[in-house]
Amino acid sequence: MTTEMKNSDAEQQQGVKNKSLYEYFVAIALGLMAIGQWGDTKDIAVEAWQLTLSKFTHKYEYESLNHVNVGSNLKYISTHFGQPKLIKKSKYHENLNFAYYLEKKFILTLILEGDRVNAYTITGLVDDFVPYGLLDKREKENTLSIADNYTEFQDFTLDFNNVEFLLVKEELGKEKLFVNQYFGAIGYEQNINASKAEFKGLYEKLNMNDEAPSLLADVKRLTKQVRNNFYGVGEVSLSIVADSVLTDFEYSLYYKK
């Protein structure tokens, strides 16, 4: 198939999608007008449009998440997302709490010191959910694996007991205010392109000798293999970020799986 034909097919598919989106919203608007409530239901119309966007795209969720920043306070975040569904205390730092927004498509986790956001992470729960860059707020492309996201990571951690995950931390320079970026892959019910046996093998190797030269090579290989579905930015260590990750049991409990 030629490039022109592929582009044409893609444009047609997008056109059908946009038409469906438009028709879906128009049906809602006509329903409101039919009952004579249009003037009093602008808020409902806005909510309907947001729900429509959410049904067919992730645009509404991406734009909402762009309001979250390191240094924000919980009260401000609550104006966009409401109250957290869950709050936990950090095991490693008595002054830190974790606040969770458990959404259908993602988990937004705030790492709080008082009401201040010291770091936050986003875990995608839908295969194609890739939030805009957390620092530049721009759409990301071709960032399927963990390795596609970082330039050079300075720390990593992994587990397979309570939940399968591989997380890395990339330290940024003074031009980015010395904050860290965090990327990773978390199992839950998703296929992250790696088996539990692979995580177990690396975990046992890490516990035997965390400075083995072959271990770092194996981790880098895995970052090129697994599908990235975890994004974060902040001022905390990777151990605190890992502490904030919900276990398989917690995920199943809170999401009624």
C-alpha atoms as a PDB file:
ATOM      1  CA  MET A   1       0.000   0.000   0.000  1.00  0.00           C
ATOM      2  CA  THR A   2       1.424   3.398  -0.946  1.00  0.00           C
ATOM      3  CA  THR A   3       2.027   6.183   1.577  1.00  0.00           C
ATOM      4  CA  GLU A   4      -0.677   8.257  -0.139  1.00  0.00           C
ATOM      5  CA  MET A   5      -3.242   5.455   0.266  1.00  0.00           C
ATOM      6  CA  LYS A   6      -2.320   4.984   3.935  1.00  0.00           C
ATOM      7  CA  ASN A   7      -2.681   8.702   4.582  1.00  0.00           C
ATOM      8  CA  SER A   8      -6.019   8.733   2.775  1.00  0.00           C
ATOM      9  CA  ASP A   9      -7.327   5.811   4.864  1.00  0.00           C
ATOM     10  CA  ALA A  10      -6.180   7.513   8.055  1.00  0.00           C
ATOM     11  CA  GLU A  11      -7.880  10.768   7.052  1.00  0.00           C
ATOM     12  CA  GLN A  12     -11.111   8.928   6.246  1.00  0.00           C
ATOM     13  CA  GLN A  13     -11.048   7.127   9.609  1.00  0.00           C
ATOM     14  CA  GLN A  14     -10.438  10.399  11.429  1.00  0.00           C
ATOM     15  CA  GLY A  15     -13.254  12.013   9.457  1.00  0.00           C
ATOM     16  CA  VAL A  16     -15.665   9.256  10.493  1.00  0.00           C
ATOM     17  CA  LYS A  17     -14.528   9.626  14.109  1.00  0.00           C
ATOM     18  CA  ASN A  18     -15.008  13.402  14.059  1.00  0.00           C
ATOM     19  CA  LYS A  19     -18.440  13.021  12.425  1.00  0.00           C
ATOM     20  CA  SER A  20     -19.502  10.537  15.111  1.00  0.00           C
ATOM     21  CA  LEU A  21     -18.270  12.904  17.792  1.00  0.00           C
ATOM     22  CA  TYR A  22     -20.218  15.794  16.300  1.00  0.00           C
ATOM     23  CA  GLU A  23     -23.407  13.774  15.846  1.00  0.00           C
ATOM     24  CA  TYR A  24     -23.174  12.470  19.400  1.00  0.00           C
ATOM     25  CA  PHE A  25     -23.012  15.984  20.841  1.00  0.00           C
ATOM     26  CA  VAL A  26     -25.703  17.378  18.543  1.00  0.00           C
ATOM     27  CA  ALA A  27     -28.069  14.651  19.725  1.00  0.00           C
ATOM     28  CA  ILE A  28     -27.498  15.714  23.324  1.00  0.00           C
ATOM     29  CA  ALA A  29     -28.017  19.405  22.462  1.00  0.00           C
ATOM     30  CA  LEU A  30     -31.248  18.705  20.591  1.00  0.00           C
ATOM     31  CA  GLY A  31     -32.529  16.680  23.506  1.00  0.00           C
ATOM     32  CA  LEU A  32     -31.931  19.583  25.879  1.00  0.00           C
ATOM     33  CA  MET A  33     -33.624  22.070  23.583  1.00  0.00           C
ATOM     34  CA  ALA A  34     -36.585  19.733  23.091  1.00  0.00           C
ATOM     35  CA  ILE A  35     -37.433  19.906  26.771  1.00  0.00           C
ATOM     36  CA  GLY A  36     -37.063  23.698  26.800  1.00  0.00           C
ATOM     37  CA  GLN A  37     -34.189  23.725  29.244  1.00  0.00           C
ATOM     38  CA  TRP A  38     -31.320  24.942  27.064  1.00  0.00           C
ATOM     39  CA  GLY A  39     -31.001  28.320  28.752  1.00  0.00           C
ATOM     40  CA  ASP A  40     -30.774  26.753  32.198  1.00  0.00           C
ATOM     41  CA  THR A  41     -28.555  23.837  31.333  1.00  0.00           C
ATOM     42  CA  LYS A  42     -25.341  25.358  30.007  1.00  0.00           C
ATOM     43  CA  ASP A  43     -23.380  23.500  32.670  1.00  0.00           C
ATOM     44  CA  ILE A  44     -24.997  20.258  31.580  1.00  0.00           C
ATOM     45  CA  ALA A  45     -24.104  21.039  27.965  1.00  0.00           C
ATOM     46  CA  VAL A  46     -20.474  21.634  28.920  1.00  0.00           C
ATOM     47  CA  GLU A  47     -20.387  18.387  30.895  1.00  0.00           C
ATOM     48  CA  ALA A  48     -21.992  16.546  27.983  1.00  0.00           C
ATOM     49  CA  TRP A  49     -19.334  17.870  25.616  1.00  0.00           C
ATOM     50  CA  GLN A  50     -16.586  16.841  28.022  1.00  0.00           C
ATOM     51  CA  LEU A  51     -18.066  13.358  28.329  1.00  0.00           C
ATOM     52  CA  THR A  52     -18.276  13.141  24.555  1.00  0.00           C
ATOM     53  CA  LEU A  53     -14.630  14.121  24.167  1.00  0.00           C
ATOM     54  CA  SER A  54     -13.712  11.573  26.826  1.00  0.00           C
ATOM     55  CA  LYS A  55     -15.679   8.827  25.073  1.00  0.00           C
ATOM     56  CA  PHE A  56     -13.982   9.257  21.704  1.00  0.00           C
ATOM     57  CA  THR A  57     -10.584  10.766  22.625  1.00  0.00           C
ATOM     58  CA  HIS A  58      -8.288  11.446  25.598  1.00  0.00           C
ATOM     59  CA  LYS A  59      -8.064  15.182  24.837  1.00  0.00           C
ATOM     60  CA  TYR A  60     -10.166  16.291  27.809  1.00  0.00           C
ATOM     61  CA  GLU A  61      -8.115  14.185  30.242  1.00  0.00           C
ATOM     62  CA  TYR A  62      -4.800  15.378  28.798  1.00  0.00           C
ATOM     63  CA  GLU A  63      -5.815  19.028  29.076  1.00  0.00           C
ATOM     64  CA  SER A  64      -7.077  18.533  32.640  1.00  0.00           C
ATOM     65  CA  LEU A  65      -3.782  16.946  33.676  1.00  0.00           C
ATOM     66  CA  ASN A  66      -1.913  19.947  32.281  1.00  0.00           C
ATOM     67  CA  HIS A  67      -3.183  21.920  35.289  1.00  0.00           C
ATOM     68  CA  VAL A  68      -1.054  19.814  37.646  1.00  0.00           C
ATOM     69  CA  ASN A  69       2.480  21.041  38.394  1.00  0.00           C
ATOM     70  CA  VAL A  70       5.211  20.583  40.962  1.00  0.00           C
ATOM     71  CA  GLY A  71       4.665  23.349  43.509  1.00  0.00           C
ATOM     72  CA  SER A  72       0.884  23.363  43.085  1.00  0.00           C
ATOM     73  CA  ASN A  73      -1.245  23.016  46.198  1.00  0.00           C
ATOM     74  CA  LEU A  74      -3.941  20.456  46.900  1.00  0.00           C
ATOM     75  CA  LYS A  75      -6.703  23.073  47.039  1.00  0.00           C
ATOM     76  CA  TYR A  76      -5.921  24.206  43.498  1.00  0.00           C
ATOM     77  CA  ILE A  77      -5.752  20.629  42.182  1.00  0.00           C
ATOM     78  CA  SER A  78      -9.121  19.941  43.835  1.00  0.00           C
ATOM     79  CA  THR A  79     -10.768  22.679  41.767  1.00  0.00           C
ATOM     80  CA  HIS A  80     -10.027  20.560  38.686  1.00  0.00           C
ATOM     81  CA  PHE A  81     -10.292  16.995  39.996  1.00  0.00           C
ATOM     82  CA  GLY A  82     -12.345  17.228  43.177  1.00  0.00           C
ATOM     83  CA  GLN A  83     -11.227  15.608  46.418  1.00  0.00           C
ATOM     84  CA  PRO A  84      -8.754  12.682  46.293  1.00  0.00           C
ATOM     85  CA  LYS A  85     -10.332   9.230  46.409  1.00  0.00           C
ATOM     86  CA  LEU A  86      -7.590   7.916  48.685  1.00  0.00           C
ATOM     87  CA  ILE A  87      -4.812   9.282  50.913  1.00  0.00           C
ATOM     88  CA  LYS A  88      -1.898   7.242  52.300  1.00  0.00           C
ATOM     89  CA  LYS A  89       1.141   8.094  54.392  1.00  0.00           C
ATOM     90  CA  SER A  90       4.660   7.467  53.100  1.00  0.00           C
ATOM     91  CA  LYS A  91       6.539   4.606  54.757  1.00  0.00           C
ATOM     92  CA  TYR A  92       9.865   6.420  54.402  1.00  0.00           C
ATOM     93  CA  HIS A  93       9.128  10.075  55.112  1.00  0.00           C
ATOM     94  CA  GLU A  94       6.811  11.068  57.941  1.00  0.00           C
ATOM     95  CA  ASN A  95       6.065  14.472  56.401  1.00  0.00           C
ATOM     96  CA  LEU A  96       4.881  13.087  53.061  1.00  0.00           C
ATOM     97  CA  ASN A  97       1.422  11.849  52.071  1.00  0.00           C
ATOM     98  CA  PHE A  98       0.144  10.334  48.835  1.00  0.00           C
ATOM     99  CA  ALA A  99      -3.186  11.521  47.415  1.00  0.00           C
ATOM    100  CA  TYR A 100      -4.798   9.447  44.663  1.00  0.00           C
ATOM    101  CA  TYR A 101      -7.312  10.324  41.971  1.00  0.00           C
ATOM    102  CA  LEU A 102      -8.542   6.957  40.708  1.00  0.00           C
ATOM    103  CA  GLU A 103      -9.963   7.696  37.275  1.00  0.00           C
ATOM    104  CA  LYS A 104     -11.174   5.290  34.610  1.00  0.00           C
ATOM    105  CA  LYS A 105      -8.288   5.981  32.232  1.00  0.00           C
ATOM    106  CA  PHE A 106      -5.508   6.881  34.645  1.00  0.00           C
ATOM    107  CA  ILE A 107      -4.308   7.184  38.226  1.00  0.00           C
ATOM    108  CA  LEU A 108      -3.061  10.626  39.241  1.00  0.00           C
ATOM    109  CA  THR A 109      -0.889  10.411  42.359  1.00  0.00           C
ATOM    110  CA  LEU A 110       0.184  13.543  44.229  1.00  0.00           C
ATOM    111  CA  ILE A 111       3.161  13.314  46.584  1.00  0.00           C
ATOM    112  CA  LEU A 112       2.365  15.978  49.150  1.00  0.00           C
ATOM    113  CA  GLU A 113       4.282  17.746  51.892  1.00  0.00           C
ATOM    114  CA  GLY A 114       1.469  19.490  53.702  1.00  0.00           C
ATOM    115  CA  ASP A 115      -0.650  20.838  50.840  1.00  0.00           C
ATOM    116  CA  ARG A 116       2.290  21.317  48.467  1.00  0.00           C
ATOM    117  CA  VAL A 117       2.835  18.977  45.505  1.00  0.00           C
ATOM    118  CA  ASN A 118       6.477  17.864  45.747  1.00  0.00           C
ATOM    119  CA  ALA A 119       5.994  15.382  42.905  1.00  0.00           C
ATOM    120  CA  TYR A 120       3.209  13.753  40.942  1.00  0.00           C
ATOM    121  CA  THR A 121       2.836  10.715  38.725  1.00  0.00           C
ATOM    122  CA  ILE A 122       0.339   9.528  36.132  1.00  0.00           C
ATOM    123  CA  THR A 123      -0.280   5.835  35.471  1.00  0.00           C
ATOM    124  CA  GLY A 124      -2.121   5.142  32.236  1.00  0.00           C
ATOM    125  CA  LEU A 125      -4.784   2.437  32.489  1.00  0.00           C
ATOM    126  CA  VAL A 126      -5.657   2.462  28.779  1.00  0.00           C
ATOM    127  CA  ASP A 127      -3.119   1.213  26.242  1.00  0.00           C
ATOM    128  CA  ASP A 128      -3.076   4.406  24.155  1.00  0.00           C
ATOM    129  CA  PHE A 129      -3.208   6.841  27.090  1.00  0.00           C
ATOM    130  CA  VAL A 130      -0.053   8.983  26.807  1.00  0.00           C
ATOM    131  CA  PRO A 131      -0.371  12.316  28.665  1.00  0.00           C
ATOM    132  CA  TYR A 132       1.275  15.441  27.332  1.00  0.00           C
ATOM    133  CA  GLY A 133       4.824  16.092  28.528  1.00  0.00           C
ATOM    134  CA  LEU A 134       4.669  16.935  32.223  1.00  0.00           C
ATOM    135  CA  LEU A 135       7.208  19.747  31.889  1.00  0.00           C
ATOM    136  CA  ASP A 136       6.579  21.235  28.441  1.00  0.00           C
ATOM    137  CA  LYS A 137       2.847  20.300  28.297  1.00  0.00           C
ATOM    138  CA  ARG A 138       3.245  19.220  24.689  1.00  0.00           C
ATOM    139  CA  GLU A 139       1.951  16.126  22.941  1.00  0.00           C
ATOM    140  CA  LYS A 140       4.406  13.215  22.993  1.00  0.00           C
ATOM    141  CA  GLU A 141       5.178  11.050  19.969  1.00  0.00           C
ATOM    142  CA  ASN A 142       7.042   7.776  19.491  1.00  0.00           C
ATOM    143  CA  THR A 143       7.515   7.170  23.214  1.00  0.00           C
ATOM    144  CA  LEU A 144       6.268   3.605  23.478  1.00  0.00           C
ATOM    145  CA  SER A 145       9.030   2.135  25.647  1.00  0.00           C
ATOM    146  CA  ILE A 146      10.677   3.490  28.787  1.00  0.00           C
ATOM    147  CA  ALA A 147      13.889   3.996  26.818  1.00  0.00           C
ATOM    148  CA  ASP A 148      12.043   6.200  24.313  1.00  0.00           C
ATOM    149  CA  ASN A 149      11.409   8.715  27.108  1.00  0.00           C
ATOM    150  CA  TYR A 150      14.716   9.233  28.903  1.00  0.00           C
ATOM    151  CA  THR A 151      18.131  10.428  27.743  1.00  0.00           C
ATOM    152  CA  GLU A 152      20.082   8.775  30.583  1.00  0.00           C
ATOM    153  CA  PHE A 153      18.626   7.513  33.832  1.00  0.00           C
ATOM    154  CA  GLN A 154      20.502   7.865  37.133  1.00  0.00           C
ATOM    155  CA  ASP A 155      18.509   5.428  39.261  1.00  0.00           C
ATOM    156  CA  PHE A 156      16.098   2.530  38.832  1.00  0.00           C
ATOM    157  CA  THR A 157      13.956   0.233  40.934  1.00  0.00           C
ATOM    158  CA  LEU A 158      11.868  -2.826  40.177  1.00  0.00           C
ATOM    159  CA  ASP A 159       9.581  -5.310  41.890  1.00  0.00           C
ATOM    160  CA  PHE A 160       7.407  -8.316  41.118  1.00  0.00           C
ATOM    161  CA  ASN A 161       5.966  -9.264  44.531  1.00  0.00           C
ATOM    162  CA  ASN A 162       3.187  -6.771  45.269  1.00  0.00           C
ATOM    163  CA  VAL A 163       3.004  -5.475  41.716  1.00  0.00           C
ATOM    164  CA  GLU A 164       5.229  -5.842  38.679  1.00  0.00           C
ATOM    165  CA  PHE A 165       7.015  -2.604  37.864  1.00  0.00           C
ATOM    166  CA  LEU A 166      10.206  -1.116  36.529  1.00  0.00           C
ATOM    167  CA  LEU A 167      10.789   2.579  37.287  1.00  0.00           C
ATOM    168  CA  VAL A 168      13.669   4.864  36.346  1.00  0.00           C
ATOM    169  CA  LYS A 169      14.640   8.368  37.453  1.00  0.00           C
ATOM    170  CA  GLU A 170      16.280  10.926  35.189  1.00  0.00           C
ATOM    171  CA  GLU A 171      17.827  13.956  36.903  1.00  0.00           C
ATOM    172  CA  LEU A 172      17.478  17.239  35.041  1.00  0.00           C
ATOM    173  CA  GLY A 173      19.829  20.218  35.168  1.00  0.00           C
ATOM    174  CA  LYS A 174      19.491  23.727  36.480  1.00  0.00           C
ATOM    175  CA  GLU A 175      17.619  24.869  33.362  1.00  0.00           C
ATOM    176  CA  LYS A 176      14.805  22.564  34.531  1.00  0.00           C
ATOM    177  CA  LEU A 177      15.153  23.672  38.186  1.00  0.00           C
ATOM    178  CA  PHE A 178      16.893  20.390  39.100  1.00  0.00           C
ATOM    179  CA  VAL A 179      13.663  18.409  39.148  1.00  0.00           C
ATOM    180  CA  ASN A 180      13.550  14.710  38.275  1.00  0.00           C
ATOM    181  CA  GLN A 181      11.562  12.878  35.637  1.00  0.00           C
ATOM    182  CA  TYR A 182      10.229   9.405  36.360  1.00  0.00           C
ATOM    183  CA  PHE A 183       9.234   6.840  33.748  1.00  0.00           C
ATOM    184  CA  GLY A 184       8.193   3.246  34.043  1.00  0.00           C
ATOM    185  CA  ALA A 185       6.017   0.256  33.323  1.00  0.00           C
ATOM    186  CA  ILE A 186       3.457  -1.072  35.815  1.00  0.00           C
ATOM    187  CA  GLY A 187       1.637  -4.364  35.278  1.00  0.00           C
ATOM    188  CA  TYR A 188      -1.814  -4.310  36.872  1.00  0.00           C
ATOM    189  CA  GLU A 189      -4.072  -5.926  34.228  1.00  0.00           C
ATOM    190  CA  GLN A 190      -2.182  -4.612  31.241  1.00  0.00           C
ATOM    191  CA  ASN A 191       0.303  -6.228  28.901  1.00  0.00           C
ATOM    192  CA  ILE A 192       3.534  -4.278  29.352  1.00  0.00           C
ATOM    193  CA  ASN A 193       5.475  -6.578  27.024  1.00  0.00           C
ATOM    194  CA  ALA A 194       7.426  -8.431  29.734  1.00  0.00           C
ATOM    195  CA  SER A 195       6.776 -11.557  31.763  1.00  0.00           C
ATOM    196  CA  LYS A 196       6.681 -11.897  35.536  1.00  0.00           C
ATOM    197  CA  ALA A 197       9.634 -14.285  35.225  1.00  0.00           C
ATOM    198  CA  GLU A 198      11.751 -11.518  33.668  1.00  0.00           C
ATOM    199  CA  PHE A 199      10.940  -9.142  36.535  1.00  0.00           C
ATOM    200  CA  LYS A 200      11.604 -11.890  39.097  1.00  0.00           C
ATOM    201  CA  GLY A 201      14.969 -12.741  37.554  1.00  0.00           C
ATOM    202  CA  LEU A 202      16.146  -9.130  37.602  1.00  0.00           C
ATOM    203  CA  TYR A 203      14.776  -8.604  41.118  1.00  0.00           C
ATOM    204  CA  GLU A 204      16.730 -11.596  42.463  1.00  0.00           C
ATOM    205  CA  LYS A 205      19.850 -10.467  40.618  1.00  0.00           C
ATOM    206  CA  LEU A 206      19.451  -6.976  42.125  1.00  0.00           C
ATOM    207  CA  ASN A 207      19.203  -8.419  45.640  1.00  0.00           C
ATOM    208  CA  MET A 208      22.335 -10.532  45.168  1.00  0.00           C
ATOM    209  CA  ASN A 209      24.540  -7.731  43.834  1.00  0.00           C
ATOM    210  CA  ASP A 210      23.097  -4.337  42.943  1.00  0.00           C
ATOM    211  CA  GLU A 211      26.418  -3.232  41.409  1.00  0.00           C
ATOM    212  CA  ALA A 212      26.879  -6.128  38.990  1.00  0.00           C
ATOM    213  CA  PRO A 213      27.813  -4.658  35.575  1.00  0.00           C
ATOM    214  CA  SER A 214      25.519  -7.095  33.791  1.00  0.00           C
ATOM    215  CA  LEU A 215      22.542  -5.959  35.910  1.00  0.00           C
ATOM    216  CA  LEU A 216      22.569  -2.416  34.505  1.00  0.00           C
ATOM    217  CA  ALA A 217      22.857  -3.805  30.986  1.00  0.00           C
ATOM    218  CA  ASP A 218      19.874  -6.081  31.631  1.00  0.00           C
ATOM    219  CA  VAL A 219      17.831  -3.178  33.024  1.00  0.00           C
ATOM    220  CA  LYS A 220      18.636  -0.994  30.012  1.00  0.00           C
ATOM    221  CA  ARG A 221      17.638  -3.861  27.728  1.00  0.00           C
ATOM    222  CA  LEU A 222      14.326  -4.187  29.560  1.00  0.00           C
ATOM    223  CA  THR A 223      13.652  -0.429  29.303  1.00  0.00           C
ATOM    224  CA  LYS A 224      13.830  -0.833  25.530  1.00  0.00           C
ATOM    225  CA  GLN A 225      11.403  -3.744  25.629  1.00  0.00           C
ATOM    226  CA  VAL A 226       8.614  -2.851  28.056  1.00  0.00           C
ATOM    227  CA  ARG A 227       5.757  -0.482  27.274  1.00  0.00           C
ATOM    228  CA  ASN A 228       5.913   2.798  29.187  1.00  0.00           C
ATOM    229  CA  ASN A 229       2.670   3.629  31.013  1.00  0.00           C
ATOM    230  CA  PHE A 230       4.009   5.587  34.002  1.00  0.00           C
ATOM    231  CA  TYR A 231       5.045   9.250  33.924  1.00  0.00           C
ATOM    232  CA  GLY A 232       6.133  11.561  36.714  1.00  0.00           C
ATOM    233  CA  VAL A 233       8.035  14.679  37.680  1.00  0.00           C
ATOM    234  CA  GLY A 234       9.178  16.006  41.037  1.00  0.00           C
ATOM    235  CA  GLU A 235      11.742  16.619  43.728  1.00  0.00           C
ATOM    236  CA  VAL A 236      11.687  13.294  45.605  1.00  0.00           C
ATOM    237  CA  SER A 237      13.783  10.137  45.492  1.00  0.00           C
ATOM    238  CA  LEU A 238      12.803   7.145  43.399  1.00  0.00           C
ATOM    239  CA  SER A 239      12.206   5.077  46.543  1.00  0.00           C
ATOM    240  CA  ILE A 240       9.413   7.486  47.556  1.00  0.00           C
ATOM    241  CA  VAL A 241       7.904   7.320  44.077  1.00  0.00           C
ATOM    242  CA  ALA A 242       7.972   3.512  44.260  1.00  0.00           C
ATOM    243  CA  ASP A 243       6.362   3.679  47.705  1.00  0.00           C
ATOM    244  CA  SER A 244       3.472   5.645  46.201  1.00  0.00           C
ATOM    245  CA  VAL A 245       2.657   2.961  43.608  1.00  0.00           C
ATOM    246  CA  LEU A 246      -0.528   1.053  44.416  1.00  0.00           C
ATOM    247  CA  THR A 247      -0.059  -2.689  44.846  1.00  0.00           C
ATOM    248  CA  ASP A 248      -2.010  -5.218  42.792  1.00  0.00           C
ATOM    249  CA  PHE A 249      -4.226  -5.827  45.829  1.00  0.00           C
ATOM    250  CA  GLU A 250      -4.919  -2.117  46.341  1.00  0.00           C
ATOM    251  CA  TYR A 251      -5.594  -1.608  42.649  1.00  0.00           C
ATOM    252  CA  SER A 252      -8.074  -4.499  42.614  1.00  0.00           C
ATOM    253  CA  LEU A 253      -9.692  -3.316  45.842  1.00  0.00           C
ATOM    254  CA  TYR A 254     -10.192   0.321  44.862  1.00  0.00           C
ATOM    255  CA  TYR A 255     -11.151  -0.420  41.275  1.00  0.00           C
ATOM    256  CA  LYS A 256     -13.440  -3.296  42.303  1.00  0.00           C
ATOM    257  CA  LYS A 257     -11.647  -5.730  40.015  1.00  0.00           C
END
